Every structure is written in C-alpha cells, then in structure tokens.
PDB file of N, CA and C in Angstrom:
ATOM      1  N   UNK A   1      -2.515  -9.477 -12.611  1.00  0.00           N
ATOM      2  CA  UNK A   1      -3.926  -9.157 -12.770  1.00  0.00           C
ATOM      3  C   UNK A   1      -4.582  -9.107 -11.392  1.00  0.00           C
ATOM      4  N   UNK A   2      -5.450  -8.119 -11.208  1.00  0.00           N
ATOM      5  CA  UNK A   2      -6.259  -8.050  -9.996  1.00  0.00           C
ATOM      6  C   UNK A   2      -7.726  -8.103 -10.396  1.00  0.00           C
ATOM      7  N   UNK A   3      -8.535  -8.674  -9.530  1.00  0.00           N
ATOM      8  CA  UNK A   3      -9.970  -8.760  -9.793  1.00  0.00           C
ATOM      9  C   UNK A   3     -10.667  -7.631  -9.050  1.00  0.00           C
ATOM     10  N   UNK A   4     -11.474  -6.872  -9.756  1.00  0.00           N
ATOM     11  CA  UNK A   4     -12.221  -5.764  -9.173  1.00  0.00           C
ATOM     12  C   UNK A   4     -13.672  -6.179  -9.039  1.00  0.00           C
ATOM     13  N   UNK A   5     -14.496  -5.257  -8.621  1.00  0.00           N
ATOM     14  CA  UNK A   5     -15.916  -5.517  -8.459  1.00  0.00           C
ATOM     15  C   UNK A   5     -16.558  -6.019  -9.739  1.00  0.00           C
ATOM     16  N   UNK A   6     -17.553  -6.843  -9.599  1.00  0.00           N
ATOM     17  CA  UNK A   6     -18.319  -7.419 -10.709  1.00  0.00           C
ATOM     18  C   UNK A   6     -17.458  -8.274 -11.640  1.00  0.00           C
ATOM     19  N   UNK A   7     -16.339  -8.794 -11.128  1.00  0.00           N
ATOM     20  CA  UNK A   7     -15.512  -9.716 -11.894  1.00  0.00           C
ATOM     21  C   UNK A   7     -14.571  -9.085 -12.907  1.00  0.00           C
ATOM     22  N   UNK A   8     -14.525  -7.765 -12.989  1.00  0.00           N
ATOM     23  CA  UNK A   8     -13.613  -7.104 -13.932  1.00  0.00           C
ATOM     24  C   UNK A   8     -12.166  -7.331 -13.497  1.00  0.00           C
ATOM     25  N   UNK A   9     -11.273  -7.403 -14.458  1.00  0.00           N
ATOM     26  CA  UNK A   9      -9.867  -7.603 -14.135  1.00  0.00           C
ATOM     27  C   UNK A   9      -9.036  -6.489 -14.751  1.00  0.00           C
ATOM     28  N   UNK A  10      -8.001  -6.081 -14.031  1.00  0.00           N
ATOM     29  CA  UNK A  10      -7.077  -5.048 -14.487  1.00  0.00           C
ATOM     30  C   UNK A  10      -5.656  -5.533 -14.316  1.00  0.00           C
ATOM     31  N   UNK A  11      -4.788  -5.120 -15.220  1.00  0.00           N
ATOM     32  CA  UNK A  11      -3.373  -5.417 -15.074  1.00  0.00           C
ATOM     33  C   UNK A  11      -2.714  -4.206 -14.427  1.00  0.00           C
ATOM     34  N   UNK A  12      -1.989  -4.434 -13.337  1.00  0.00           N
ATOM     35  CA  UNK A  12      -1.340  -3.366 -12.599  1.00  0.00           C
ATOM     36  C   UNK A  12       0.171  -3.518 -12.745  1.00  0.00           C
ATOM     37  N   UNK A  13       0.839  -2.433 -13.132  1.00  0.00           N
ATOM     38  CA  UNK A  13       2.290  -2.444 -13.233  1.00  0.00           C
ATOM     39  C   UNK A  13       2.910  -2.360 -11.847  1.00  0.00           C
ATOM     40  N   UNK A  14       4.071  -2.993 -11.668  1.00  0.00           N
ATOM     41  CA  UNK A  14       4.828  -2.869 -10.430  1.00  0.00           C
ATOM     42  C   UNK A  14       5.508  -1.508 -10.402  1.00  0.00           C
ATOM     43  N   UNK A  15       5.645  -0.954  -9.196  1.00  0.00           N
ATOM     44  CA  UNK A  15       6.366   0.303  -9.049  1.00  0.00           C
ATOM     45  C   UNK A  15       7.435   0.128  -7.990  1.00  0.00           C
ATOM     46  N   UNK A  16       8.479   0.923  -8.076  1.00  0.00           N
ATOM     47  CA  UNK A  16       9.543   0.916  -7.081  1.00  0.00           C
ATOM     48  C   UNK A  16       9.461   2.195  -6.266  1.00  0.00           C
ATOM     49  N   UNK A  17       9.593   2.071  -4.951  1.00  0.00           N
ATOM     50  CA  UNK A  17       9.558   3.224  -4.071  1.00  0.00           C
ATOM     51  C   UNK A  17      10.901   3.387  -3.379  1.00  0.00           C
ATOM     52  N   UNK A  18      11.280   4.622  -3.145  1.00  0.00           N
ATOM     53  CA  UNK A  18      12.484   4.870  -2.361  1.00  0.00           C
ATOM     54  C   UNK A  18      12.174   4.586  -0.890  1.00  0.00           C
ATOM     55  N   UNK A  19      13.206   4.481  -0.102  1.00  0.00           N
ATOM     56  CA  UNK A  19      13.016   4.262   1.332  1.00  0.00           C
ATOM     57  C   UNK A  19      12.239   5.429   1.943  1.00  0.00           C
ATOM     58  N   UNK A  20      12.547   6.636   1.489  1.00  0.00           N
ATOM     59  CA  UNK A  20      11.860   7.817   2.011  1.00  0.00           C
ATOM     60  C   UNK A  20      10.376   7.792   1.651  1.00  0.00           C
ATOM     61  N   UNK A  21      10.031   7.371   0.448  1.00  0.00           N
ATOM     62  CA  UNK A  21       8.631   7.279   0.039  1.00  0.00           C
ATOM     63  C   UNK A  21       7.899   6.272   0.917  1.00  0.00           C
ATOM     64  N   UNK A  22       8.529   5.153   1.201  1.00  0.00           N
ATOM     65  CA  UNK A  22       7.911   4.144   2.081  1.00  0.00           C
ATOM     66  C   UNK A  22       7.696   4.713   3.476  1.00  0.00           C
ATOM     67  N   UNK A  23       8.670   5.478   3.960  1.00  0.00           N
ATOM     68  CA  UNK A  23       8.562   6.119   5.275  1.00  0.00           C
ATOM     69  C   UNK A  23       7.358   7.065   5.308  1.00  0.00           C
ATOM     70  N   UNK A  24       7.208   7.900   4.275  1.00  0.00           N
ATOM     71  CA  UNK A  24       6.093   8.842   4.233  1.00  0.00           C
ATOM     72  C   UNK A  24       4.748   8.131   4.177  1.00  0.00           C
ATOM     73  N   UNK A  25       4.674   7.068   3.419  1.00  0.00           N
ATOM     74  CA  UNK A  25       3.429   6.299   3.330  1.00  0.00           C
ATOM     75  C   UNK A  25       3.079   5.707   4.692  1.00  0.00           C
ATOM     76  N   UNK A  26       4.084   5.142   5.370  1.00  0.00           N
ATOM     77  CA  UNK A  26       3.845   4.531   6.678  1.00  0.00           C
ATOM     78  C   UNK A  26       3.420   5.583   7.703  1.00  0.00           C
ATOM     79  N   UNK A  27       4.042   6.748   7.691  1.00  0.00           N
ATOM     80  CA  UNK A  27       3.733   7.779   8.681  1.00  0.00           C
ATOM     81  C   UNK A  27       2.360   8.408   8.457  1.00  0.00           C
ATOM     82  N   UNK A  28       1.877   8.389   7.231  1.00  0.00           N
ATOM     83  CA  UNK A  28       0.589   9.008   6.930  1.00  0.00           C
ATOM     84  C   UNK A  28      -0.530   7.988   6.764  1.00  0.00           C
ATOM     85  N   UNK A  29      -0.236   6.723   7.029  1.00  0.00           N
ATOM     86  CA  UNK A  29      -1.231   5.675   6.849  1.00  0.00           C
ATOM     87  C   UNK A  29      -2.185   5.559   8.023  1.00  0.00           C
ATOM     88  N   UNK A  30      -3.149   4.681   7.886  1.00  0.00           N
ATOM     89  CA  UNK A  30      -4.178   4.423   8.893  1.00  0.00           C
ATOM     90  C   UNK A  30      -3.594   3.540   9.993  1.00  0.00           C
ATOM     91  N   UNK A  31      -3.395   4.110  11.179  1.00  0.00           N
ATOM     92  CA  UNK A  31      -2.745   3.375  12.265  1.00  0.00           C
ATOM     93  C   UNK A  31      -3.612   2.263  12.841  1.00  0.00           C
ATOM     94  N   UNK A  32      -4.866   2.151  12.407  1.00  0.00           N
ATOM     95  CA  UNK A  32      -5.706   1.033  12.855  1.00  0.00           C
ATOM     96  C   UNK A  32      -5.328  -0.260  12.156  1.00  0.00           C
ATOM     97  N   UNK A  33      -4.589  -0.152  11.054  1.00  0.00           N
ATOM     98  CA  UNK A  33      -4.124  -1.347  10.349  1.00  0.00           C
ATOM     99  C   UNK A  33      -2.820  -1.804  10.995  1.00  0.00           C
ATOM    100  N   UNK A  34      -2.729  -3.101  11.237  1.00  0.00           N
ATOM    101  CA  UNK A  34      -1.613  -3.666  12.000  1.00  0.00           C
ATOM    102  C   UNK A  34      -0.255  -3.331  11.385  1.00  0.00           C
ATOM    103  N   UNK A  35      -0.135  -3.458  10.069  1.00  0.00           N
ATOM    104  CA  UNK A  35       1.147  -3.237   9.405  1.00  0.00           C
ATOM    105  C   UNK A  35       1.592  -1.771   9.522  1.00  0.00           C
ATOM    106  N   UNK A  36       0.641  -0.848   9.405  1.00  0.00           N
ATOM    107  CA  UNK A  36       0.964   0.576   9.498  1.00  0.00           C
ATOM    108  C   UNK A  36       1.338   0.931  10.940  1.00  0.00           C
ATOM    109  N   UNK A  37       0.585   0.399  11.908  1.00  0.00           N
ATOM    110  CA  UNK A  37       0.897   0.663  13.310  1.00  0.00           C
ATOM    111  C   UNK A  37       2.289   0.151  13.650  1.00  0.00           C
ATOM    112  N   UNK A  38       2.648  -1.002  13.118  1.00  0.00           N
ATOM    113  CA  UNK A  38       3.984  -1.554  13.361  1.00  0.00           C
ATOM    114  C   UNK A  38       5.053  -0.640  12.768  1.00  0.00           C
ATOM    115  N   UNK A  39       4.832  -0.151  11.554  1.00  0.00           N
ATOM    116  CA  UNK A  39       5.805   0.714  10.897  1.00  0.00           C
ATOM    117  C   UNK A  39       5.949   2.048  11.604  1.00  0.00           C
ATOM    118  N   UNK A  40       4.887   2.532  12.214  1.00  0.00           N
ATOM    119  CA  UNK A  40       4.934   3.813  12.909  1.00  0.00           C
ATOM    120  C   UNK A  40       5.672   3.727  14.244  1.00  0.00           C
ATOM    121  N   UNK A  41       5.818   2.531  14.774  1.00  0.00           N
ATOM    122  CA  UNK A  41       6.522   2.369  16.066  1.00  0.00           C
ATOM    123  C   UNK A  41       7.950   2.176  15.894  1.00  0.00           C
TER     124      UNK A  41
END
C-alpha cells in the first residue's frame, strides 16, 4: 500500500523489468537525481 495525497491509499502490484528496460529507464531519467546520475556513469 502507498499513501497518496489527502490520505488516500492505493495497492500497487510489483512488476519485473528486464535488464534492458532498467538500462533504458536509467539512460532517460533525470540526471539531477543521485541514483540516475550514478547509473548513467
């Protein structure tokens, strides 16, 4: 469960990503975020 604005809660299913999908997400992410910048290097 995650809590959203105004206290609403949603259940989110887990998903599995391939290594290539993770690579694409990292390469197209916001490099101002530490984790994305690390992955891009």
